[in-house]
Amino acid sequence: MITIDMQRMSREEKLKVMHALWEDLARDEDAIESPAWHGDALRETEERVRSGSEKVRDWDEAKAELRRRAG
């Protein structure tokens, strides 16, 4: 088992480790079953978009909005 002292890691090092973990998990994505509520949430969102009560946003705009709210 690998242990990491995250307090001593730079932000760049943390992002590299996170990326490596994600790549490893994604390698066998078929082995991970999404919970039923994921499908329900996607269908509900799709219905809100179709009905016009929810709008699709550009990812960069959405990130900027979230950062403004958190700031």
PDB file of N, CA and C in Angstrom:
ATOM      1  N   MET A   1       0.838  -1.185   0.000  1.00  0.00           N
ATOM      2  CA  MET A   1       0.000   0.000   0.000  1.00  0.00           C
ATOM      3  C   MET A   1       0.881   1.246   0.000  1.00  0.00           C
ATOM      4  N   ILE A   2       0.421   2.250  -0.729  1.00  0.00           N
ATOM      5  CA  ILE A   2       1.170   3.500  -0.842  1.00  0.00           C
ATOM      6  C   ILE A   2       0.533   4.535   0.077  1.00  0.00           C
ATOM      7  N   THR A   3       1.358   5.207   0.863  1.00  0.00           N
ATOM      8  CA  THR A   3       0.858   6.326   1.667  1.00  0.00           C
ATOM      9  C   THR A   3       1.496   7.604   1.138  1.00  0.00           C
ATOM     10  N   ILE A   4       0.730   8.673   1.199  1.00  0.00           N
ATOM     11  CA  ILE A   4       1.173   9.951   0.657  1.00  0.00           C
ATOM     12  C   ILE A   4       0.973  11.032   1.707  1.00  0.00           C
ATOM     13  N   ASP A   5       1.994  11.836   1.928  1.00  0.00           N
ATOM     14  CA  ASP A   5       1.881  12.985   2.822  1.00  0.00           C
ATOM     15  C   ASP A   5       1.360  14.155   1.988  1.00  0.00           C
ATOM     16  N   MET A   6       0.057  14.274   1.918  1.00  0.00           N
ATOM     17  CA  MET A   6      -0.566  15.282   1.059  1.00  0.00           C
ATOM     18  C   MET A   6      -0.265  16.702   1.498  1.00  0.00           C
ATOM     19  N   GLN A   7      -0.010  16.912   2.759  1.00  0.00           N
ATOM     20  CA  GLN A   7       0.284  18.264   3.242  1.00  0.00           C
ATOM     21  C   GLN A   7       1.571  18.808   2.634  1.00  0.00           C
ATOM     22  N   ARG A   8       2.488  17.922   2.274  1.00  0.00           N
ATOM     23  CA  ARG A   8       3.776  18.348   1.732  1.00  0.00           C
ATOM     24  C   ARG A   8       3.764  18.434   0.211  1.00  0.00           C
ATOM     25  N   MET A   9       2.702  17.975  -0.414  1.00  0.00           N
ATOM     26  CA  MET A   9       2.634  17.961  -1.874  1.00  0.00           C
ATOM     27  C   MET A   9       2.195  19.318  -2.412  1.00  0.00           C
ATOM     28  N   SER A  10       2.745  19.662  -3.559  1.00  0.00           N
ATOM     29  CA  SER A  10       2.306  20.887  -4.226  1.00  0.00           C
ATOM     30  C   SER A  10       0.960  20.610  -4.898  1.00  0.00           C
ATOM     31  N   ARG A  11       0.308  21.674  -5.299  1.00  0.00           N
ATOM     32  CA  ARG A  11      -0.964  21.518  -6.013  1.00  0.00           C
ATOM     33  C   ARG A  11      -0.762  20.711  -7.294  1.00  0.00           C
ATOM     34  N   GLU A  12       0.319  20.987  -8.016  1.00  0.00           N
ATOM     35  CA  GLU A  12       0.608  20.267  -9.253  1.00  0.00           C
ATOM     36  C   GLU A  12       0.808  18.771  -8.987  1.00  0.00           C
ATOM     37  N   GLU A  13       1.523  18.437  -7.916  1.00  0.00           N
ATOM     38  CA  GLU A  13       1.729  17.026  -7.570  1.00  0.00           C
ATOM     39  C   GLU A  13       0.411  16.345  -7.230  1.00  0.00           C
ATOM     40  N   LYS A  14      -0.442  17.040  -6.494  1.00  0.00           N
ATOM     41  CA  LYS A  14      -1.745  16.476  -6.138  1.00  0.00           C
ATOM     42  C   LYS A  14      -2.586  16.213  -7.385  1.00  0.00           C
ATOM     43  N   LEU A  15      -2.567  17.159  -8.324  1.00  0.00           N
ATOM     44  CA  LEU A  15      -3.329  16.981  -9.560  1.00  0.00           C
ATOM     45  C   LEU A  15      -2.793  15.809 -10.379  1.00  0.00           C
ATOM     46  N   LYS A  16      -1.476  15.627 -10.405  1.00  0.00           N
ATOM     47  CA  LYS A  16      -0.885  14.496 -11.125  1.00  0.00           C
ATOM     48  C   LYS A  16      -1.312  13.171 -10.499  1.00  0.00           C
ATOM     49  N   VAL A  17      -1.316  13.097  -9.174  1.00  0.00           N
ATOM     50  CA  VAL A  17      -1.745  11.876  -8.487  1.00  0.00           C
ATOM     51  C   VAL A  17      -3.226  11.622  -8.743  1.00  0.00           C
ATOM     52  N   MET A  18      -4.035  12.664  -8.679  1.00  0.00           N
ATOM     53  CA  MET A  18      -5.469  12.525  -8.933  1.00  0.00           C
ATOM     54  C   MET A  18      -5.708  12.029 -10.359  1.00  0.00           C
ATOM     55  N   HIS A  19      -4.969  12.567 -11.312  1.00  0.00           N
ATOM     56  CA  HIS A  19      -5.092  12.145 -12.706  1.00  0.00           C
ATOM     57  C   HIS A  19      -4.707  10.670 -12.852  1.00  0.00           C
ATOM     58  N   ALA A  20      -3.616  10.267 -12.206  1.00  0.00           N
ATOM     59  CA  ALA A  20      -3.173   8.867 -12.281  1.00  0.00           C
ATOM     60  C   ALA A  20      -4.232   7.940 -11.685  1.00  0.00           C
ATOM     61  N   LEU A  21      -4.833   8.331 -10.569  1.00  0.00           N
ATOM     62  CA  LEU A  21      -5.896   7.525  -9.959  1.00  0.00           C
ATOM     63  C   LEU A  21      -7.094   7.412 -10.891  1.00  0.00           C
ATOM     64  N   TRP A  22      -7.493   8.536 -11.485  1.00  0.00           N
ATOM     65  CA  TRP A  22      -8.642   8.537 -12.390  1.00  0.00           C
ATOM     66  C   TRP A  22      -8.377   7.640 -13.593  1.00  0.00           C
ATOM     67  N   GLU A  23      -7.184   7.743 -14.178  1.00  0.00           N
ATOM     68  CA  GLU A  23      -6.819   6.911 -15.323  1.00  0.00           C
ATOM     69  C   GLU A  23      -6.877   5.431 -14.945  1.00  0.00           C
ATOM     70  N   ASP A  24      -6.401   5.093 -13.761  1.00  0.00           N
ATOM     71  CA  ASP A  24      -6.411   3.702 -13.316  1.00  0.00           C
ATOM     72  C   ASP A  24      -7.839   3.199 -13.131  1.00  0.00           C
ATOM     73  N   LEU A  25      -8.696   4.012 -12.521  1.00  0.00           N
ATOM     74  CA  LEU A  25     -10.092   3.619 -12.319  1.00  0.00           C
ATOM     75  C   LEU A  25     -10.834   3.510 -13.644  1.00  0.00           C
ATOM     76  N   ALA A  26     -10.556   4.416 -14.568  1.00  0.00           N
ATOM     77  CA  ALA A  26     -11.263   4.446 -15.850  1.00  0.00           C
ATOM     78  C   ALA A  26     -10.838   3.301 -16.772  1.00  0.00           C
ATOM     79  N   ARG A  27      -9.700   2.715 -16.506  1.00  0.00           N
ATOM     80  CA  ARG A  27      -9.194   1.634 -17.349  1.00  0.00           C
ATOM     81  C   ARG A  27     -10.178   0.471 -17.404  1.00  0.00           C
ATOM     82  N   ASP A  28     -10.907   0.242 -16.324  1.00  0.00           N
ATOM     83  CA  ASP A  28     -11.858  -0.868 -16.264  1.00  0.00           C
ATOM     84  C   ASP A  28     -13.241  -0.331 -15.906  1.00  0.00           C
ATOM     85  N   GLU A  29     -13.699   0.675 -16.669  1.00  0.00           N
ATOM     86  CA  GLU A  29     -14.947   1.363 -16.330  1.00  0.00           C
ATOM     87  C   GLU A  29     -16.176   0.453 -16.381  1.00  0.00           C
ATOM     88  N   ASP A  30     -16.112  -0.626 -17.161  1.00  0.00           N
ATOM     89  CA  ASP A  30     -17.255  -1.535 -17.234  1.00  0.00           C
ATOM     90  C   ASP A  30     -17.478  -2.283 -15.921  1.00  0.00           C
ATOM     91  N   ALA A  31     -16.445  -2.356 -15.092  1.00  0.00           N
ATOM     92  CA  ALA A  31     -16.560  -3.055 -13.813  1.00  0.00           C
ATOM     93  C   ALA A  31     -17.300  -2.205 -12.776  1.00  0.00           C
ATOM     94  N   ILE A  32     -17.462  -0.919 -13.060  1.00  0.00           N
ATOM     95  CA  ILE A  32     -18.124  -0.017 -12.116  1.00  0.00           C
ATOM     96  C   ILE A  32     -19.555   0.206 -12.578  1.00  0.00           C
ATOM     97  N   GLU A  33     -20.485  -0.200 -11.768  1.00  0.00           N
ATOM     98  CA  GLU A  33     -21.893  -0.035 -12.114  1.00  0.00           C
ATOM     99  C   GLU A  33     -22.432   1.247 -11.483  1.00  0.00           C
ATOM    100  N   SER A  34     -23.022   2.072 -12.302  1.00  0.00           N
ATOM    101  CA  SER A  34     -23.621   3.307 -11.784  1.00  0.00           C
ATOM    102  C   SER A  34     -24.863   2.965 -10.983  1.00  0.00           C
ATOM    103  N   PRO A  35     -25.075   3.674  -9.883  1.00  0.00           N
ATOM    104  CA  PRO A  35     -26.295   3.439  -9.106  1.00  0.00           C
ATOM    105  C   PRO A  35     -27.525   3.887  -9.893  1.00  0.00           C
ATOM    106  N   ALA A  36     -28.653   3.300  -9.573  1.00  0.00           N
ATOM    107  CA  ALA A  36     -29.904   3.592 -10.294  1.00  0.00           C
ATOM    108  C   ALA A  36     -30.237   5.081 -10.268  1.00  0.00           C
ATOM    109  N   TRP A  37     -29.930   5.765  -9.184  1.00  0.00           N
ATOM    110  CA  TRP A  37     -30.296   7.170  -9.084  1.00  0.00           C
ATOM    111  C   TRP A  37     -29.563   8.021 -10.121  1.00  0.00           C
ATOM    112  N   HIS A  38     -28.398   7.560 -10.622  1.00  0.00           N
ATOM    113  CA  HIS A  38     -27.710   8.317 -11.676  1.00  0.00           C
ATOM    114  C   HIS A  38     -28.592   8.407 -12.916  1.00  0.00           C
ATOM    115  N   GLY A  39     -29.155   7.271 -13.321  1.00  0.00           N
ATOM    116  CA  GLY A  39     -30.051   7.255 -14.483  1.00  0.00           C
ATOM    117  C   GLY A  39     -31.269   8.117 -14.254  1.00  0.00           C
ATOM    118  N   ASP A  40     -31.821   8.040 -13.048  1.00  0.00           N
ATOM    119  CA  ASP A  40     -32.994   8.859 -12.708  1.00  0.00           C
ATOM    120  C   ASP A  40     -32.650  10.342 -12.819  1.00  0.00           C
ATOM    121  N   ALA A  41     -31.497  10.731 -12.267  1.00  0.00           N
ATOM    122  CA  ALA A  41     -31.081  12.137 -12.298  1.00  0.00           C
ATOM    123  C   ALA A  41     -30.853  12.612 -13.731  1.00  0.00           C
ATOM    124  N   LEU A  42     -30.253  11.762 -14.560  1.00  0.00           N
ATOM    125  CA  LEU A  42     -30.034  12.139 -15.958  1.00  0.00           C
ATOM    126  C   LEU A  42     -31.355  12.316 -16.702  1.00  0.00           C
ATOM    127  N   ARG A  43     -32.296  11.418 -16.476  1.00  0.00           N
ATOM    128  CA  ARG A  43     -33.604  11.532 -17.128  1.00  0.00           C
ATOM    129  C   ARG A  43     -34.344  12.788 -16.666  1.00  0.00           C
ATOM    130  N   GLU A  44     -34.275  13.100 -15.371  1.00  0.00           N
ATOM    131  CA  GLU A  44     -34.932  14.300 -14.849  1.00  0.00           C
ATOM    132  C   GLU A  44     -34.312  15.564 -15.460  1.00  0.00           C
ATOM    133  N   THR A  45     -32.988  15.590 -15.555  1.00  0.00           N
ATOM    134  CA  THR A  45     -32.308  16.743 -16.149  1.00  0.00           C
ATOM    135  C   THR A  45     -32.676  16.881 -17.623  1.00  0.00           C
ATOM    136  N   GLU A  46     -32.672  15.763 -18.333  1.00  0.00           N
ATOM    137  CA  GLU A  46     -33.045  15.788 -19.746  1.00  0.00           C
ATOM    138  C   GLU A  46     -34.459  16.335 -19.934  1.00  0.00           C
ATOM    139  N   GLU A  47     -35.375  15.966 -19.061  1.00  0.00           N
ATOM    140  CA  GLU A  47     -36.754  16.454 -19.143  1.00  0.00           C
ATOM    141  C   GLU A  47     -36.825  17.952 -18.877  1.00  0.00           C
ATOM    142  N   ARG A  48     -36.042  18.439 -17.891  1.00  0.00           N
ATOM    143  CA  ARG A  48     -36.036  19.880 -17.600  1.00  0.00           C
ATOM    144  C   ARG A  48     -35.478  20.664 -18.778  1.00  0.00           C
ATOM    145  N   VAL A  49     -34.452  20.139 -19.436  1.00  0.00           N
ATOM    146  CA  VAL A  49     -33.882  20.812 -20.613  1.00  0.00           C
ATOM    147  C   VAL A  49     -34.908  20.811 -21.737  1.00  0.00           C
ATOM    148  N   ARG A  50     -35.560  19.688 -21.960  1.00  0.00           N
ATOM    149  CA  ARG A  50     -36.553  19.579 -23.027  1.00  0.00           C
ATOM    150  C   ARG A  50     -37.719  20.537 -22.802  1.00  0.00           C
ATOM    151  N   SER A  51     -38.138  20.688 -21.541  1.00  0.00           N
ATOM    152  CA  SER A  51     -39.283  21.548 -21.237  1.00  0.00           C
ATOM    153  C   SER A  51     -38.904  23.032 -21.204  1.00  0.00           C
ATOM    154  N   GLY A  52     -37.586  23.306 -21.214  1.00  0.00           N
ATOM    155  CA  GLY A  52     -37.140  24.691 -21.192  1.00  0.00           C
ATOM    156  C   GLY A  52     -36.945  25.263 -19.804  1.00  0.00           C
ATOM    157  N   SER A  53     -37.183  24.466 -18.760  1.00  0.00           N
ATOM    158  CA  SER A  53     -37.011  24.983 -17.402  1.00  0.00           C
ATOM    159  C   SER A  53     -35.545  24.941 -16.948  1.00  0.00           C
ATOM    160  N   GLU A  54     -34.707  24.323 -17.739  1.00  0.00           N
ATOM    161  CA  GLU A  54     -33.270  24.306 -17.450  1.00  0.00           C
ATOM    162  C   GLU A  54     -32.515  24.509 -18.757  1.00  0.00           C
ATOM    163  N   LYS A  55     -31.482  25.317 -18.694  1.00  0.00           N
ATOM    164  CA  LYS A  55     -30.698  25.640 -19.881  1.00  0.00           C
ATOM    165  C   LYS A  55     -29.327  24.962 -19.820  1.00  0.00           C
ATOM    166  N   VAL A  56     -28.821  24.570 -20.971  1.00  0.00           N
ATOM    167  CA  VAL A  56     -27.463  24.032 -21.079  1.00  0.00           C
ATOM    168  C   VAL A  56     -26.509  25.207 -21.071  1.00  0.00           C
ATOM    169  N   ARG A  57     -25.424  25.075 -20.312  1.00  0.00           N
ATOM    170  CA  ARG A  57     -24.449  26.153 -20.226  1.00  0.00           C
ATOM    171  C   ARG A  57     -23.098  25.684 -20.715  1.00  0.00           C
ATOM    172  N   ASP A  58     -22.336  26.603 -21.226  1.00  0.00           N
ATOM    173  CA  ASP A  58     -20.956  26.342 -21.596  1.00  0.00           C
ATOM    174  C   ASP A  58     -20.179  26.004 -20.325  1.00  0.00           C
ATOM    175  N   TRP A  59     -19.309  24.993 -20.394  1.00  0.00           N
ATOM    176  CA  TRP A  59     -18.587  24.536 -19.210  1.00  0.00           C
ATOM    177  C   TRP A  59     -17.743  25.654 -18.598  1.00  0.00           C
ATOM    178  N   ASP A  60     -17.065  26.444 -19.415  1.00  0.00           N
ATOM    179  CA  ASP A  60     -16.251  27.533 -18.868  1.00  0.00           C
ATOM    180  C   ASP A  60     -17.115  28.566 -18.153  1.00  0.00           C
ATOM    181  N   GLU A  61     -18.282  28.873 -18.706  1.00  0.00           N
ATOM    182  CA  GLU A  61     -19.208  29.800 -18.048  1.00  0.00           C
ATOM    183  C   GLU A  61     -19.714  29.214 -16.733  1.00  0.00           C
ATOM    184  N   ALA A  62     -20.029  27.935 -16.736  1.00  0.00           N
ATOM    185  CA  ALA A  62     -20.532  27.285 -15.515  1.00  0.00           C
ATOM    186  C   ALA A  62     -19.469  27.313 -14.423  1.00  0.00           C
ATOM    187  N   LYS A  63     -18.215  27.030 -14.776  1.00  0.00           N
ATOM    188  CA  LYS A  63     -17.132  27.066 -13.781  1.00  0.00           C
ATOM    189  C   LYS A  63     -16.970  28.464 -13.216  1.00  0.00           C
ATOM    190  N   ALA A  64     -17.027  29.466 -14.091  1.00  0.00           N
ATOM    191  CA  ALA A  64     -16.881  30.860 -13.634  1.00  0.00           C
ATOM    192  C   ALA A  64     -18.013  31.219 -12.675  1.00  0.00           C
ATOM    193  N   GLU A  65     -19.228  30.790 -12.995  1.00  0.00           N
ATOM    194  CA  GLU A  65     -20.384  31.045 -12.113  1.00  0.00           C
ATOM    195  C   GLU A  65     -20.196  30.381 -10.756  1.00  0.00           C
ATOM    196  N   LEU A  66     -19.753  29.139 -10.757  1.00  0.00           N
ATOM    197  CA  LEU A  66     -19.521  28.431  -9.491  1.00  0.00           C
ATOM    198  C   LEU A  66     -18.439  29.115  -8.663  1.00  0.00           C
ATOM    199  N   ARG A  67     -17.393  29.568  -9.325  1.00  0.00           N
ATOM    200  CA  ARG A  67     -16.319  30.272  -8.612  1.00  0.00           C
ATOM    201  C   ARG A  67     -16.822  31.582  -8.019  1.00  0.00           C
ATOM    202  N   ARG A  68     -17.679  32.302  -8.762  1.00  0.00           N
ATOM    203  CA  ARG A  68     -18.261  33.547  -8.231  1.00  0.00           C
ATOM    204  C   ARG A  68     -19.102  33.254  -6.995  1.00  0.00           C
ATOM    205  N   ARG A  69     -19.897  32.202  -7.051  1.00  0.00           N
ATOM    206  CA  ARG A  69     -20.759  31.855  -5.913  1.00  0.00           C
ATOM    207  C   ARG A  69     -19.931  31.452  -4.683  1.00  0.00           C
ATOM    208  N   ALA A  70     -18.837  30.737  -4.917  1.00  0.00           N
ATOM    209  CA  ALA A  70     -18.007  30.248  -3.811  1.00  0.00           C
ATOM    210  C   ALA A  70     -17.109  31.334  -3.230  1.00  0.00           C
ATOM    211  N   GLY A  71     -16.857  32.375  -4.051  1.00  0.00           N
ATOM    212  CA  GLY A  71     -15.894  33.417  -3.678  1.00  0.00           C
ATOM    213  C   GLY A  71     -16.329  34.270  -2.590  1.00  0.00           C
TER     214      GLY A  71
END
